[in-house]
């Protein structure tokens, strides 16, 4: 039986539900399931649930929640009680999506591919083949709007962040940092190892769903 999560305050109008301090598909799925359940079955004052790798931040309206649960000493106590009553392992979640993203791995787009390949003792073709033959789970969004933290990268091509981050990483750049991969949805400073670039829009502010990717999705990179 999985360990019970730790629940603690995050300021005065949010809580963190911590399932563990490791990158784990199982823990991440529990995080996502709890977030989806609360979004579909909100308690009074619920605002939103934001998943991370193995924890969930739950935001609420302090006054509304406090007023709705007069038997609890604080709003935090009330929210903790609501969360503790949910059996996450019996909560259903939406089916995972498979999203294919075409990538240009050419020299103009793959700014660090050659260096990464040299470090790994592989050819650039080998790196691209290993990278594109792996399916990646979207664990969380963060850093930039629509930036998806995905994993896990094959250990043969895992690489540390650059010692000197770039001031401008082109929009659409596909990078590797450790066992993680991600796509820069906007031009931004950044230190990930850039191995390619995509034209797919990751963040469209005016769309009904602004972010293309969501936690729990599976991504397949294809060679453009």
Protein backbone atom coordinates (compact mmCIF):
# COMPACT_ATOMS: atom_id res chain seq x y z
CA UNK A 1 0.00 0.00 0.00
CA UNK A 2 1.47 3.41 -0.98
CA UNK A 3 2.49 5.73 1.84
CA UNK A 4 0.00 8.41 2.72
CA UNK A 5 0.90 11.82 1.27
CA UNK A 6 2.12 14.68 3.43
CA UNK A 7 -0.18 17.71 3.47
CA UNK A 8 1.17 21.08 4.57
CA UNK A 9 0.32 24.78 4.10
CA UNK A 10 1.60 26.74 1.12
CA UNK A 11 0.99 30.27 2.35
CA UNK A 12 -2.43 31.08 3.78
CA UNK A 13 -4.57 30.09 0.79
CA UNK A 14 -2.98 26.94 -0.61
CA UNK A 15 -1.73 23.54 0.45
CA UNK A 16 0.85 21.14 -0.92
CA UNK A 17 0.09 17.43 -1.11
CA UNK A 18 3.47 15.68 -1.28
CA UNK A 19 3.52 12.05 -2.42
CA UNK A 20 7.30 11.64 -2.31
CA UNK A 21 10.59 13.14 -3.45
CA UNK A 22 11.33 11.00 -6.51
CA UNK A 23 10.52 11.03 -10.22
CA UNK A 24 8.00 8.22 -10.54
CA UNK A 25 5.25 7.52 -13.06
CA UNK A 26 3.14 5.97 -10.29
CA UNK A 27 3.46 8.98 -7.97
CA UNK A 28 2.90 11.42 -10.82
CA UNK A 29 -0.26 9.56 -11.82
CA UNK A 30 -1.56 9.82 -8.25
CA UNK A 31 -0.84 13.56 -8.31
CA UNK A 32 -2.71 14.00 -11.59
CA UNK A 33 -5.63 11.83 -10.47
CA UNK A 34 -6.09 13.84 -7.28
CA UNK A 35 -5.92 17.12 -9.19
CA UNK A 36 -8.48 15.98 -11.75
CA UNK A 37 -10.79 14.69 -9.00
CA UNK A 38 -10.72 18.00 -7.13
CA UNK A 39 -11.26 19.95 -10.35
CA UNK A 40 -14.32 17.82 -11.16
CA UNK A 41 -15.53 17.73 -7.53
CA UNK A 42 -14.44 21.07 -6.05
CA UNK A 43 -14.87 21.86 -2.38
CA UNK A 44 -16.22 25.33 -1.45
CA UNK A 45 -13.58 27.93 -2.25
CA UNK A 46 -11.51 25.66 -4.50
CA UNK A 47 -9.60 27.66 -7.13
CA UNK A 48 -7.26 25.27 -8.93
CA UNK A 49 -4.92 22.32 -8.58
CA UNK A 50 -1.42 22.51 -10.05
CA UNK A 51 0.51 19.24 -10.45
CA UNK A 52 4.28 18.87 -10.17
CA UNK A 53 6.41 15.73 -10.49
CA UNK A 54 5.29 14.16 -7.22
CA UNK A 55 3.26 16.85 -5.46
CA UNK A 56 0.09 18.83 -5.98
CA UNK A 57 -0.49 22.47 -5.05
CA UNK A 58 -4.13 23.21 -4.27
CA UNK A 59 -5.24 26.84 -4.19
CA UNK A 60 -8.41 28.03 -2.52
CA UNK A 61 -10.27 31.16 -1.46
CA UNK A 62 -9.43 31.53 2.22
CA UNK A 63 -12.63 33.31 3.28
CA UNK A 64 -15.02 31.16 1.26
CA UNK A 65 -13.45 27.91 2.46
CA UNK A 66 -13.30 29.07 6.08
CA UNK A 67 -16.96 30.12 5.96
CA UNK A 68 -18.07 26.83 4.43
CA UNK A 69 -16.43 24.69 7.14
CA UNK A 70 -17.29 26.34 10.48
CA UNK A 71 -16.55 23.14 12.41
CA UNK A 72 -12.86 23.36 11.48
CA UNK A 73 -10.51 25.68 13.29
CA UNK A 74 -8.84 26.94 10.09
CA UNK A 75 -9.35 26.77 6.33
CA UNK A 76 -6.20 24.66 6.11
CA UNK A 77 -7.68 22.13 8.54
CA UNK A 78 -10.80 21.95 6.41
CA UNK A 79 -8.92 21.42 3.16
CA UNK A 80 -6.65 18.84 4.76
CA UNK A 81 -9.73 16.97 5.96
CA UNK A 82 -11.27 17.01 2.47
CA UNK A 83 -8.08 15.71 0.87
CA UNK A 84 -7.50 13.05 3.51
CA UNK A 85 -10.95 11.61 2.82
CA UNK A 86 -10.13 10.96 -0.85
CA UNK A 87 -8.79 7.53 -1.76
CA UNK A 88 -6.54 8.56 -4.64
CA UNK A 89 -5.99 4.97 -5.76
CA UNK A 90 -9.73 4.61 -6.43
CA UNK A 91 -10.04 7.90 -8.31
CA UNK A 92 -10.28 7.55 -12.07
CA UNK A 93 -8.41 9.91 -14.40
CA UNK A 94 -8.67 10.85 -18.04
CA UNK A 95 -7.02 8.66 -20.64
CA UNK A 96 -3.49 9.68 -21.58
CA UNK A 97 -3.04 11.34 -24.97
CA UNK A 98 -0.28 10.54 -27.42
CA UNK A 99 1.04 13.69 -29.07
CA UNK A 100 3.50 13.51 -31.96
CA UNK A 101 5.87 16.45 -32.40
CA UNK A 102 8.01 16.76 -35.55
CA UNK A 103 11.53 18.06 -34.88
CA UNK A 104 14.22 19.52 -37.11
CA UNK A 105 17.52 18.00 -35.97
CA UNK A 106 19.58 19.90 -38.55
CA UNK A 107 22.70 21.88 -37.57
CA UNK A 108 20.94 25.26 -37.59
CA UNK A 109 18.35 24.00 -35.08
CA UNK A 110 20.37 21.50 -33.04
CA UNK A 111 22.73 23.95 -31.35
CA UNK A 112 24.27 21.43 -28.91
CA UNK A 113 23.68 18.14 -30.68
CA UNK A 114 27.25 17.67 -31.87
CA UNK A 115 28.75 18.44 -28.45
CA UNK A 116 26.26 16.14 -26.75
CA UNK A 117 27.07 13.35 -29.19
CA UNK A 118 30.81 13.78 -28.62
CA UNK A 119 30.29 13.64 -24.85
CA UNK A 120 28.24 10.46 -25.22
CA UNK A 121 30.69 8.85 -27.63
CA UNK A 122 28.00 8.56 -30.27
CA UNK A 123 27.28 9.98 -33.69
CA UNK A 124 24.65 12.72 -34.02
CA UNK A 125 22.57 10.23 -36.01
CA UNK A 126 22.72 7.77 -33.08
CA UNK A 127 21.62 10.48 -30.64
CA UNK A 128 18.65 11.44 -32.81
CA UNK A 129 17.67 7.81 -33.25
CA UNK A 130 17.84 7.07 -29.51
CA UNK A 131 15.96 10.25 -28.67
CA UNK A 132 13.19 9.76 -31.21
CA UNK A 133 12.70 6.06 -30.38
CA UNK A 134 11.69 6.86 -26.80
CA UNK A 135 8.21 7.83 -25.58
CA UNK A 136 8.18 10.66 -23.04
CA UNK A 137 5.72 11.31 -20.26
CA UNK A 138 4.69 14.88 -19.49
CA UNK A 139 5.16 15.11 -15.74
CA UNK A 140 4.37 18.78 -15.21
CA UNK A 141 4.24 22.26 -16.74
CA UNK A 142 6.40 25.11 -15.46
CA UNK A 143 9.23 27.62 -16.04
CA UNK A 144 7.41 29.15 -19.05
CA UNK A 145 3.74 28.96 -20.10
CA UNK A 146 3.35 25.63 -21.84
CA UNK A 147 6.85 24.36 -20.99
CA UNK A 148 6.44 20.63 -20.37
CA UNK A 149 8.93 18.74 -18.23
CA UNK A 150 9.15 15.29 -19.82
CA UNK A 151 11.05 12.10 -19.14
CA UNK A 152 12.87 10.00 -19.10
CA UNK A 153 15.71 10.45 -21.54
CA UNK A 154 17.77 7.37 -22.32
CA UNK A 155 20.82 7.38 -20.03
CA UNK A 156 23.13 7.06 -23.04
CA UNK A 157 22.21 10.59 -24.16
CA UNK A 158 21.43 12.22 -20.80
CA UNK A 159 23.44 15.41 -20.39
CA UNK A 160 23.89 18.11 -17.74
CA UNK A 161 22.74 21.67 -18.29
CA UNK A 162 25.15 23.97 -20.07
CA UNK A 163 27.74 25.59 -17.81
CA UNK A 164 26.89 28.95 -19.40
CA UNK A 165 23.17 29.38 -20.13
CA UNK A 166 22.22 31.13 -23.34
CA UNK A 167 20.59 34.55 -23.10
CA UNK A 168 18.26 33.61 -25.95
CA UNK A 169 17.07 30.11 -26.71
CA UNK A 170 14.95 30.12 -29.90
CA UNK A 171 11.25 29.38 -29.64
CA UNK A 172 10.50 25.71 -30.28
CA UNK A 173 13.94 24.49 -29.20
CA UNK A 174 13.98 20.91 -27.92
CA UNK A 175 16.41 20.42 -25.05
CA UNK A 176 17.85 17.86 -22.69
CA UNK A 177 18.78 18.42 -19.05
CA UNK A 178 19.78 15.31 -17.15
CA UNK A 179 17.11 12.70 -17.77
CA UNK A 180 14.55 15.35 -18.68
CA UNK A 181 13.57 16.77 -22.04
CA UNK A 182 11.46 19.80 -22.84
CA UNK A 183 10.48 22.29 -25.51
CA UNK A 184 10.86 26.05 -25.16
CA UNK A 185 7.42 27.43 -26.10
CA UNK A 186 8.81 30.97 -26.29
CA UNK A 187 12.20 32.56 -26.87
CA UNK A 188 13.84 32.64 -23.47
CA UNK A 189 17.12 32.45 -21.60
CA UNK A 190 17.94 28.85 -20.82
CA UNK A 191 20.65 26.33 -20.09
CA UNK A 192 19.32 23.07 -21.52
CA UNK A 193 21.28 21.25 -24.23
CA UNK A 194 19.49 22.07 -27.49
CA UNK A 195 19.27 19.14 -29.90
CA UNK A 196 16.55 20.28 -32.30
CA UNK A 197 13.63 22.61 -32.97
CA UNK A 198 9.94 22.26 -33.74
CA UNK A 199 7.43 24.58 -35.39
CA UNK A 200 4.57 23.20 -33.29
CA UNK A 201 2.92 25.88 -31.14
CA UNK A 202 3.15 24.86 -27.50
CA UNK A 203 1.40 27.91 -26.07
CA UNK A 204 -1.51 29.77 -27.69
CA UNK A 205 -2.81 32.33 -25.15
CA UNK A 206 -6.17 32.96 -26.85
CA UNK A 207 -7.08 29.30 -27.30
CA UNK A 208 -9.61 27.55 -25.10
CA UNK A 209 -6.77 25.31 -23.92
CA UNK A 210 -3.69 27.56 -24.17
CA UNK A 211 -1.14 24.79 -23.57
CA UNK A 212 -0.76 22.02 -26.13
CA UNK A 213 0.59 19.52 -23.60
CA UNK A 214 -0.84 18.51 -20.24
CA UNK A 215 0.52 16.44 -17.37
CA UNK A 216 -0.02 12.77 -18.09
CA UNK A 217 0.33 13.12 -21.87
CA UNK A 218 2.77 10.95 -23.81
CA UNK A 219 4.99 12.60 -26.43
CA UNK A 220 6.67 11.02 -29.41
CA UNK A 221 9.26 13.11 -31.25
CA UNK A 222 9.53 12.46 -34.97
CA UNK A 223 12.26 13.47 -37.41
CA UNK A 224 11.02 16.25 -39.66
